[in-house]
Structure formats: structure tokens, C-alpha cells
Amino acid sequence: MHFGNYFFDVIYKKRLLTTGLTILCILCFTISYGQNDIDSLENALQNTKLSDSARFIAYIKLSEKKQYTDFVNATIYADKAFSIANQKPWPWAKGMVYDQLSFLATLSGDYSNAMKYDNLNLQMRLEAQDSAAIAETLNFLGNDYSDLGKYDEA
């Protein structure tokens, strides 16, 4: 009986140690990969021959990746994407940037600006008759009203 308990303890401790090391390795890889992704996007933006659409996507992705860790730069990247989207006849880009700007406004507690961007997005989605995007944007607007305490409107 004593040998069985000892054997069980050894296997249990090895499994616990292996699981802990595995989780630690995955966590380190995830953090490292995320930083490498940000570095890659920032390096890509240094390329002067980058197309406007690729530059726009890089700005949006950087804004999304930094929205929780570096809010100021996330906002700067979103504003740069907004500038590109306003110069081009790309409804898809305007939708993406409105979503991001609305989300950033919500994160900062600026619910009226979030609502402004969601209303602009809704207007554009209605013109495009994109029912899935309309539903998504209406959901965002409902969240905005709820955040403002206007539950009946939400």
C-alpha cells in the first residue's frame, strides 16, 4: 500500500509539473508572438511603397492589438486609418474604422462618440443593404444606449 501511494504521488507531481511547464511555454509563446506581430506591422508601415489598402489594414490591426495595452497609440492608429478611409471610396474600410473608433470610444467611456460612429456606420450599412452588418451595428447602438442608461431605447 505504501508503494502505491508513493507511485501515485510521483506520477501526480510529474503530471502537475509537466502541465505547469506546458502552460508557461504557451503563455510565453503567445506573448512573444503577439509582440512579433505588432513589430511586423509597424515595420511594414515603414515601407514607402505600401499600398493604401495595406497601410489601412495595418493601422486597423495595430489599433486592435494595442487597444487594451496602449490606448493612446491604438487611438492614433485608428485616426490614421480613418484618414485613409475618408480619402477613398471604400465602404468596407469606413465600416471597419467606424467599428474600431466606436469601440475605442466605448473603452474610454465616451459613449456619445461611440454612438456617433455607430450611427455613421448604420447609415452606411443601410445604404449598402447589408443585413448582417445592419444587425451587428444595431446591437452596438443598443449597447451604447445601455451604457448611457437609456434602457428603453436600448
N, C-alpha and C. Protein backbone atom coordinates (compact mmCIF):
# COMPACT_ATOMS: atom_id res chain seq x y z
N MET A 1 0.82 -1.18 0.00
CA MET A 1 0.00 0.00 0.00
C MET A 1 0.87 1.25 0.00
N HIS A 2 1.93 1.22 0.77
CA HIS A 2 2.82 2.36 0.84
C HIS A 2 3.46 2.65 -0.52
N PHE A 3 3.86 1.59 -1.23
CA PHE A 3 4.46 1.75 -2.56
C PHE A 3 3.45 2.37 -3.54
N GLY A 4 2.19 1.97 -3.46
CA GLY A 4 1.16 2.51 -4.34
C GLY A 4 0.96 4.00 -4.14
N ASN A 5 0.93 4.45 -2.89
CA ASN A 5 0.78 5.88 -2.61
C ASN A 5 1.98 6.67 -3.10
N TYR A 6 3.16 6.12 -2.89
CA TYR A 6 4.38 6.77 -3.36
C TYR A 6 4.37 6.89 -4.88
N PHE A 7 4.00 5.82 -5.56
CA PHE A 7 3.94 5.80 -7.01
C PHE A 7 2.93 6.83 -7.52
N PHE A 8 1.77 6.90 -6.86
CA PHE A 8 0.74 7.86 -7.23
C PHE A 8 1.24 9.29 -7.04
N ASP A 9 1.92 9.57 -5.92
CA ASP A 9 2.46 10.90 -5.66
C ASP A 9 3.48 11.31 -6.70
N VAL A 10 4.35 10.40 -7.09
CA VAL A 10 5.39 10.71 -8.09
C VAL A 10 4.74 11.02 -9.43
N ILE A 11 3.78 10.21 -9.86
CA ILE A 11 3.11 10.44 -11.15
C ILE A 11 2.32 11.75 -11.09
N TYR A 12 1.61 11.99 -10.00
CA TYR A 12 0.81 13.21 -9.86
C TYR A 12 1.70 14.45 -9.92
N LYS A 13 2.81 14.43 -9.20
CA LYS A 13 3.71 15.58 -9.19
C LYS A 13 4.36 15.81 -10.55
N LYS A 14 4.72 14.73 -11.25
CA LYS A 14 5.30 14.88 -12.59
C LYS A 14 4.26 15.46 -13.55
N ARG A 15 3.03 14.97 -13.46
CA ARG A 15 1.97 15.47 -14.34
C ARG A 15 1.70 16.94 -14.04
N LEU A 16 1.66 17.30 -12.76
CA LEU A 16 1.44 18.69 -12.38
C LEU A 16 2.57 19.58 -12.88
N LEU A 17 3.80 19.13 -12.75
CA LEU A 17 4.96 19.88 -13.22
C LEU A 17 4.93 20.02 -14.74
N THR A 18 4.62 18.95 -15.44
CA THR A 18 4.54 18.98 -16.90
C THR A 18 3.44 19.92 -17.37
N THR A 19 2.29 19.86 -16.74
CA THR A 19 1.18 20.73 -17.11
C THR A 19 1.55 22.19 -16.86
N GLY A 20 2.17 22.46 -15.72
CA GLY A 20 2.58 23.82 -15.41
C GLY A 20 3.59 24.36 -16.40
N LEU A 21 4.56 23.54 -16.77
CA LEU A 21 5.56 23.97 -17.75
C LEU A 21 4.93 24.19 -19.12
N THR A 22 4.00 23.34 -19.48
CA THR A 22 3.31 23.49 -20.77
C THR A 22 2.54 24.80 -20.82
N ILE A 23 1.82 25.10 -19.76
CA ILE A 23 1.06 26.35 -19.71
C ILE A 23 2.00 27.55 -19.76
N LEU A 24 3.10 27.48 -19.05
CA LEU A 24 4.09 28.56 -19.07
C LEU A 24 4.66 28.77 -20.46
N CYS A 25 4.99 27.70 -21.15
CA CYS A 25 5.53 27.79 -22.51
C CYS A 25 4.51 28.40 -23.47
N ILE A 26 3.26 27.96 -23.36
CA ILE A 26 2.20 28.51 -24.23
C ILE A 26 2.02 29.99 -23.96
N LEU A 27 2.02 30.38 -22.70
CA LEU A 27 1.86 31.78 -22.34
C LEU A 27 3.01 32.62 -22.90
N CYS A 28 4.23 32.15 -22.74
CA CYS A 28 5.40 32.88 -23.26
C CYS A 28 5.35 33.00 -24.78
N PHE A 29 4.97 31.92 -25.44
CA PHE A 29 4.87 31.93 -26.90
C PHE A 29 3.81 32.91 -27.36
N THR A 30 2.66 32.93 -26.68
CA THR A 30 1.57 33.82 -27.06
C THR A 30 1.98 35.28 -26.92
N ILE A 31 2.62 35.60 -25.80
CA ILE A 31 3.07 36.98 -25.59
C ILE A 31 4.13 37.35 -26.62
N SER A 32 5.06 36.47 -26.86
CA SER A 32 6.12 36.72 -27.83
C SER A 32 5.55 36.86 -29.23
N TYR A 33 4.62 35.99 -29.60
CA TYR A 33 4.03 36.04 -30.93
C TYR A 33 3.26 37.34 -31.12
N GLY A 34 2.52 37.76 -30.10
CA GLY A 34 1.76 39.00 -30.20
C GLY A 34 2.68 40.19 -30.42
N GLN A 35 3.79 40.25 -29.71
CA GLN A 35 4.73 41.35 -29.88
C GLN A 35 5.38 41.28 -31.26
N ASN A 36 5.71 40.08 -31.72
CA ASN A 36 6.29 39.94 -33.06
C ASN A 36 5.32 40.42 -34.12
N ASP A 37 4.04 40.13 -33.92
CA ASP A 37 3.02 40.56 -34.87
C ASP A 37 2.94 42.08 -34.92
N ILE A 38 2.97 42.71 -33.76
CA ILE A 38 2.95 44.18 -33.69
C ILE A 38 4.19 44.75 -34.35
N ASP A 39 5.35 44.16 -34.06
CA ASP A 39 6.60 44.63 -34.67
C ASP A 39 6.55 44.50 -36.18
N SER A 40 6.01 43.38 -36.67
CA SER A 40 5.91 43.16 -38.12
C SER A 40 5.03 44.21 -38.78
N LEU A 41 3.90 44.51 -38.15
CA LEU A 41 3.01 45.52 -38.70
C LEU A 41 3.65 46.91 -38.69
N GLU A 42 4.32 47.24 -37.59
CA GLU A 42 4.99 48.55 -37.52
C GLU A 42 6.12 48.65 -38.54
N ASN A 43 6.85 47.56 -38.74
CA ASN A 43 7.91 47.56 -39.75
C ASN A 43 7.34 47.69 -41.16
N ALA A 44 6.20 47.04 -41.41
CA ALA A 44 5.57 47.12 -42.72
C ALA A 44 5.17 48.56 -43.03
N LEU A 45 4.75 49.31 -42.04
CA LEU A 45 4.33 50.69 -42.26
C LEU A 45 5.50 51.60 -42.63
N GLN A 46 6.74 51.16 -42.37
CA GLN A 46 7.92 51.94 -42.74
C GLN A 46 8.17 51.90 -44.24
N ASN A 47 7.58 50.91 -44.92
CA ASN A 47 7.74 50.74 -46.36
C ASN A 47 6.97 51.84 -47.09
N THR A 48 7.67 52.68 -47.82
CA THR A 48 7.02 53.79 -48.52
C THR A 48 6.22 53.32 -49.72
N LYS A 49 6.47 52.12 -50.20
CA LYS A 49 5.76 51.60 -51.37
C LYS A 49 4.51 50.80 -50.99
N LEU A 50 4.15 50.80 -49.73
CA LEU A 50 2.98 50.06 -49.27
C LEU A 50 1.72 50.70 -49.83
N SER A 51 0.82 49.89 -50.36
CA SER A 51 -0.42 50.42 -50.92
C SER A 51 -1.29 51.01 -49.82
N ASP A 52 -2.22 51.87 -50.22
CA ASP A 52 -3.10 52.50 -49.24
C ASP A 52 -3.96 51.47 -48.52
N SER A 53 -4.44 50.47 -49.24
CA SER A 53 -5.28 49.46 -48.59
C SER A 53 -4.48 48.64 -47.59
N ALA A 54 -3.24 48.30 -47.92
CA ALA A 54 -2.40 47.55 -46.99
C ALA A 54 -2.05 48.41 -45.78
N ARG A 55 -1.78 49.69 -46.03
CA ARG A 55 -1.48 50.61 -44.93
C ARG A 55 -2.70 50.75 -44.01
N PHE A 56 -3.89 50.86 -44.61
CA PHE A 56 -5.12 50.96 -43.84
C PHE A 56 -5.30 49.72 -42.95
N ILE A 57 -5.15 48.54 -43.53
CA ILE A 57 -5.30 47.30 -42.76
C ILE A 57 -4.28 47.23 -41.63
N ALA A 58 -3.05 47.63 -41.90
CA ALA A 58 -2.02 47.61 -40.86
C ALA A 58 -2.39 48.54 -39.71
N TYR A 59 -2.89 49.73 -40.02
CA TYR A 59 -3.30 50.66 -38.97
C TYR A 59 -4.45 50.09 -38.13
N ILE A 60 -5.43 49.49 -38.80
CA ILE A 60 -6.57 48.91 -38.07
C ILE A 60 -6.10 47.77 -37.17
N LYS A 61 -5.27 46.88 -37.72
CA LYS A 61 -4.79 45.73 -36.93
C LYS A 61 -3.95 46.20 -35.74
N LEU A 62 -3.10 47.19 -35.95
CA LEU A 62 -2.30 47.72 -34.85
C LEU A 62 -3.20 48.35 -33.77
N SER A 63 -4.22 49.06 -34.21
CA SER A 63 -5.14 49.66 -33.26
C SER A 63 -5.84 48.58 -32.43
N GLU A 64 -6.26 47.51 -33.10
CA GLU A 64 -6.94 46.41 -32.40
C GLU A 64 -5.99 45.71 -31.43
N LYS A 65 -4.75 45.53 -31.83
CA LYS A 65 -3.79 44.81 -30.98
C LYS A 65 -3.35 45.64 -29.77
N LYS A 66 -3.43 46.97 -29.89
CA LYS A 66 -2.97 47.83 -28.81
C LYS A 66 -4.11 48.42 -27.98
N GLN A 67 -5.35 48.11 -28.31
CA GLN A 67 -6.47 48.78 -27.67
C GLN A 67 -6.55 48.57 -26.16
N TYR A 68 -6.03 47.46 -25.65
CA TYR A 68 -6.08 47.21 -24.21
C TYR A 68 -4.76 47.52 -23.51
N THR A 69 -3.68 47.59 -24.25
CA THR A 69 -2.37 47.76 -23.62
C THR A 69 -1.77 49.15 -23.84
N ASP A 70 -2.12 49.80 -24.93
CA ASP A 70 -1.56 51.11 -25.25
C ASP A 70 -2.64 51.93 -25.94
N PHE A 71 -3.58 52.42 -25.13
CA PHE A 71 -4.78 53.07 -25.66
C PHE A 71 -4.45 54.29 -26.52
N VAL A 72 -3.46 55.06 -26.12
CA VAL A 72 -3.11 56.28 -26.86
C VAL A 72 -2.68 55.94 -28.28
N ASN A 73 -1.77 54.97 -28.42
CA ASN A 73 -1.33 54.59 -29.76
C ASN A 73 -2.43 53.87 -30.53
N ALA A 74 -3.28 53.13 -29.85
CA ALA A 74 -4.41 52.50 -30.53
C ALA A 74 -5.29 53.56 -31.17
N THR A 75 -5.50 54.66 -30.46
CA THR A 75 -6.31 55.76 -30.99
C THR A 75 -5.61 56.45 -32.14
N ILE A 76 -4.31 56.63 -32.03
CA ILE A 76 -3.53 57.26 -33.11
C ILE A 76 -3.62 56.41 -34.38
N TYR A 77 -3.45 55.10 -34.24
CA TYR A 77 -3.54 54.22 -35.40
C TYR A 77 -4.94 54.23 -36.01
N ALA A 78 -5.96 54.25 -35.18
CA ALA A 78 -7.33 54.29 -35.69
C ALA A 78 -7.59 55.60 -36.43
N ASP A 79 -7.06 56.70 -35.90
CA ASP A 79 -7.22 58.00 -36.57
C ASP A 79 -6.51 58.02 -37.93
N LYS A 80 -5.35 57.39 -38.01
CA LYS A 80 -4.65 57.31 -39.30
C LYS A 80 -5.44 56.46 -40.29
N ALA A 81 -6.03 55.39 -39.82
CA ALA A 81 -6.87 54.55 -40.68
C ALA A 81 -8.09 55.34 -41.14
N PHE A 82 -8.65 56.13 -40.22
CA PHE A 82 -9.81 56.96 -40.54
C PHE A 82 -9.47 57.96 -41.65
N SER A 83 -8.29 58.53 -41.57
CA SER A 83 -7.84 59.49 -42.58
C SER A 83 -7.77 58.84 -43.96
N ILE A 84 -7.23 57.63 -44.02
CA ILE A 84 -7.14 56.92 -45.30
C ILE A 84 -8.54 56.56 -45.80
N ALA A 85 -9.40 56.07 -44.91
CA ALA A 85 -10.75 55.65 -45.31
C ALA A 85 -11.56 56.82 -45.86
N ASN A 86 -11.34 58.02 -45.31
CA ASN A 86 -12.07 59.20 -45.78
C ASN A 86 -11.60 59.68 -47.15
N GLN A 87 -10.39 59.32 -47.55
CA GLN A 87 -9.85 59.74 -48.84
C GLN A 87 -10.24 58.79 -49.97
N LYS A 88 -10.73 57.62 -49.62
CA LYS A 88 -11.00 56.59 -50.62
C LYS A 88 -12.49 56.24 -50.65
N PRO A 89 -12.97 55.78 -51.79
CA PRO A 89 -14.37 55.35 -51.87
C PRO A 89 -14.52 53.88 -51.45
N TRP A 90 -14.11 53.58 -50.24
CA TRP A 90 -14.12 52.20 -49.75
C TRP A 90 -15.11 52.07 -48.59
N PRO A 91 -16.32 51.64 -48.86
CA PRO A 91 -17.27 51.47 -47.76
C PRO A 91 -16.81 50.42 -46.75
N TRP A 92 -16.12 49.40 -47.22
CA TRP A 92 -15.64 48.36 -46.31
C TRP A 92 -14.66 48.93 -45.30
N ALA A 93 -13.82 49.87 -45.76
CA ALA A 93 -12.83 50.48 -44.87
C ALA A 93 -13.51 51.40 -43.86
N LYS A 94 -14.47 52.15 -44.34
CA LYS A 94 -15.18 53.06 -43.42
C LYS A 94 -15.91 52.25 -42.35
N GLY A 95 -16.50 51.13 -42.72
CA GLY A 95 -17.17 50.28 -41.73
C GLY A 95 -16.20 49.77 -40.68
N MET A 96 -15.04 49.32 -41.12
CA MET A 96 -14.04 48.81 -40.18
C MET A 96 -13.55 49.90 -39.24
N VAL A 97 -13.30 51.08 -39.77
CA VAL A 97 -12.76 52.15 -38.93
C VAL A 97 -13.84 52.70 -38.00
N TYR A 98 -15.09 52.77 -38.46
CA TYR A 98 -16.16 53.19 -37.57
C TYR A 98 -16.31 52.21 -36.40
N ASP A 99 -16.23 50.92 -36.70
CA ASP A 99 -16.31 49.91 -35.64
C ASP A 99 -15.20 50.12 -34.62
N GLN A 100 -13.98 50.32 -35.10
CA GLN A 100 -12.84 50.46 -34.20
C GLN A 100 -12.92 51.76 -33.39
N LEU A 101 -13.27 52.85 -34.05
CA LEU A 101 -13.38 54.12 -33.33
C LEU A 101 -14.50 54.07 -32.29
N SER A 102 -15.59 53.41 -32.63
CA SER A 102 -16.68 53.26 -31.68
C SER A 102 -16.23 52.43 -30.47
N PHE A 103 -15.51 51.35 -30.73
CA PHE A 103 -15.05 50.50 -29.65
C PHE A 103 -14.07 51.25 -28.74
N LEU A 104 -13.17 52.00 -29.34
CA LEU A 104 -12.21 52.77 -28.55
C LEU A 104 -12.92 53.84 -27.71
N ALA A 105 -13.94 54.47 -28.30
CA ALA A 105 -14.72 55.46 -27.54
C ALA A 105 -15.43 54.78 -26.37
N THR A 106 -15.95 53.59 -26.59
CA THR A 106 -16.61 52.85 -25.51
C THR A 106 -15.61 52.51 -24.41
N LEU A 107 -14.41 52.06 -24.80
CA LEU A 107 -13.39 51.73 -23.80
C LEU A 107 -13.03 52.94 -22.94
N SER A 108 -13.04 54.11 -23.53
CA SER A 108 -12.66 55.30 -22.79
C SER A 108 -13.84 55.91 -22.04
N GLY A 109 -15.04 55.34 -22.21
CA GLY A 109 -16.22 55.85 -21.52
C GLY A 109 -16.91 56.99 -22.25
N ASP A 110 -16.50 57.24 -23.48
CA ASP A 110 -17.10 58.31 -24.29
C ASP A 110 -18.22 57.70 -25.14
N TYR A 111 -19.35 57.42 -24.48
CA TYR A 111 -20.44 56.70 -25.13
C TYR A 111 -21.15 57.52 -26.19
N SER A 112 -21.14 58.83 -26.06
CA SER A 112 -21.79 59.66 -27.09
C SER A 112 -21.00 59.60 -28.40
N ASN A 113 -19.66 59.58 -28.32
CA ASN A 113 -18.86 59.43 -29.54
C ASN A 113 -19.01 58.02 -30.11
N ALA A 114 -19.09 57.04 -29.24
CA ALA A 114 -19.32 55.67 -29.71
C ALA A 114 -20.63 55.61 -30.49
N MET A 115 -21.64 56.27 -29.96
CA MET A 115 -22.94 56.30 -30.64
C MET A 115 -22.84 57.03 -31.98
N LYS A 116 -22.05 58.10 -32.02
CA LYS A 116 -21.88 58.85 -33.27
C LYS A 116 -21.30 57.94 -34.35
N TYR A 117 -20.24 57.21 -34.01
CA TYR A 117 -19.62 56.33 -35.00
C TYR A 117 -20.54 55.17 -35.38
N ASP A 118 -21.27 54.65 -34.42
CA ASP A 118 -22.20 53.56 -34.73
C ASP A 118 -23.34 54.05 -35.62
N ASN A 119 -23.81 55.29 -35.42
CA ASN A 119 -24.85 55.84 -36.29
C ASN A 119 -24.33 56.07 -37.70
N LEU A 120 -23.09 56.56 -37.83
CA LEU A 120 -22.49 56.72 -39.16
C LEU A 120 -22.36 55.36 -39.85
N ASN A 121 -21.95 54.37 -39.08
CA ASN A 121 -21.82 53.02 -39.61
C ASN A 121 -23.18 52.47 -40.03
N LEU A 122 -24.19 52.68 -39.21
CA LEU A 122 -25.54 52.19 -39.54
C LEU A 122 -26.05 52.82 -40.82
N GLN A 123 -25.87 54.12 -40.97
CA GLN A 123 -26.31 54.81 -42.18
C GLN A 123 -25.66 54.20 -43.42
N MET A 124 -24.37 53.95 -43.33
CA MET A 124 -23.65 53.37 -44.46
C MET A 124 -24.13 51.95 -44.74
N ARG A 125 -24.34 51.16 -43.68
CA ARG A 125 -24.79 49.77 -43.84
C ARG A 125 -26.20 49.70 -44.41
N LEU A 126 -27.06 50.65 -44.03
CA LEU A 126 -28.42 50.69 -44.59
C LEU A 126 -28.38 50.98 -46.08
N GLU A 127 -27.50 51.91 -46.48
CA GLU A 127 -27.36 52.22 -47.90
C GLU A 127 -26.86 51.01 -48.69
N ALA A 128 -25.99 50.23 -48.08
CA ALA A 128 -25.45 49.03 -48.74
C ALA A 128 -26.40 47.84 -48.65
N GLN A 129 -27.44 47.95 -47.83
CA GLN A 129 -28.41 46.88 -47.61
C GLN A 129 -27.74 45.57 -47.16
N ASP A 130 -26.79 45.72 -46.27
CA ASP A 130 -26.06 44.58 -45.71
C ASP A 130 -26.74 44.19 -44.40
N SER A 131 -27.63 43.22 -44.47
CA SER A 131 -28.47 42.90 -43.31
C SER A 131 -27.68 42.41 -42.11
N ALA A 132 -26.63 41.63 -42.33
CA ALA A 132 -25.83 41.14 -41.20
C ALA A 132 -25.10 42.30 -40.52
N ALA A 133 -24.54 43.20 -41.31
CA ALA A 133 -23.84 44.36 -40.74
C ALA A 133 -24.82 45.32 -40.07
N ILE A 134 -26.03 45.44 -40.63
CA ILE A 134 -27.05 46.28 -40.01
C ILE A 134 -27.40 45.74 -38.62
N ALA A 135 -27.61 44.43 -38.54
CA ALA A 135 -27.95 43.81 -37.25
C ALA A 135 -26.82 44.00 -36.24
N GLU A 136 -25.59 43.82 -36.69
CA GLU A 136 -24.44 43.98 -35.79
C GLU A 136 -24.35 45.42 -35.29
N THR A 137 -24.55 46.38 -36.18
CA THR A 137 -24.44 47.78 -35.81
C THR A 137 -25.60 48.19 -34.89
N LEU A 138 -26.80 47.66 -35.14
CA LEU A 138 -27.91 47.93 -34.23
C LEU A 138 -27.62 47.38 -32.83
N ASN A 139 -26.96 46.24 -32.78
CA ASN A 139 -26.57 45.67 -31.49
C ASN A 139 -25.59 46.60 -30.78
N PHE A 140 -24.62 47.14 -31.52
CA PHE A 140 -23.67 48.08 -30.93
C PHE A 140 -24.39 49.34 -30.42
N LEU A 141 -25.35 49.83 -31.21
CA LEU A 141 -26.12 51.00 -30.78
C LEU A 141 -26.91 50.70 -29.50
N GLY A 142 -27.47 49.51 -29.43
CA GLY A 142 -28.18 49.11 -28.21
C GLY A 142 -27.25 49.11 -27.01
N ASN A 143 -26.03 48.65 -27.21
CA ASN A 143 -25.03 48.70 -26.13
C ASN A 143 -24.71 50.14 -25.73
N ASP A 144 -24.63 51.02 -26.74
CA ASP A 144 -24.34 52.43 -26.45
C ASP A 144 -25.44 53.04 -25.59
N TYR A 145 -26.70 52.79 -25.99
CA TYR A 145 -27.82 53.32 -25.21
C TYR A 145 -27.81 52.74 -23.80
N SER A 146 -27.51 51.47 -23.69
CA SER A 146 -27.45 50.83 -22.38
C SER A 146 -26.35 51.45 -21.53
N ASP A 147 -25.19 51.69 -22.13
CA ASP A 147 -24.09 52.32 -21.41
C ASP A 147 -24.46 53.71 -20.92
N LEU A 148 -25.32 54.40 -21.67
CA LEU A 148 -25.76 55.74 -21.27
C LEU A 148 -26.93 55.69 -20.28
N GLY A 149 -27.39 54.48 -19.97
CA GLY A 149 -28.51 54.33 -19.02
C GLY A 149 -29.86 54.51 -19.67
N LYS A 150 -29.94 54.55 -20.98
CA LYS A 150 -31.21 54.70 -21.71
C LYS A 150 -31.71 53.31 -22.10
N TYR A 151 -32.24 52.62 -21.12
CA TYR A 151 -32.58 51.20 -21.33
C TYR A 151 -33.78 51.01 -22.24
N ASP A 152 -34.74 51.93 -22.25
CA ASP A 152 -35.87 51.77 -23.15
C ASP A 152 -35.44 51.88 -24.61
N GLU A 153 -34.54 52.82 -24.89
CA GLU A 153 -34.03 52.97 -26.25
C GLU A 153 -33.15 51.77 -26.64
N ALA A 154 -32.43 51.25 -25.68
CA ALA A 154 -31.55 50.11 -25.95
C ALA A 154 -32.38 48.93 -26.40
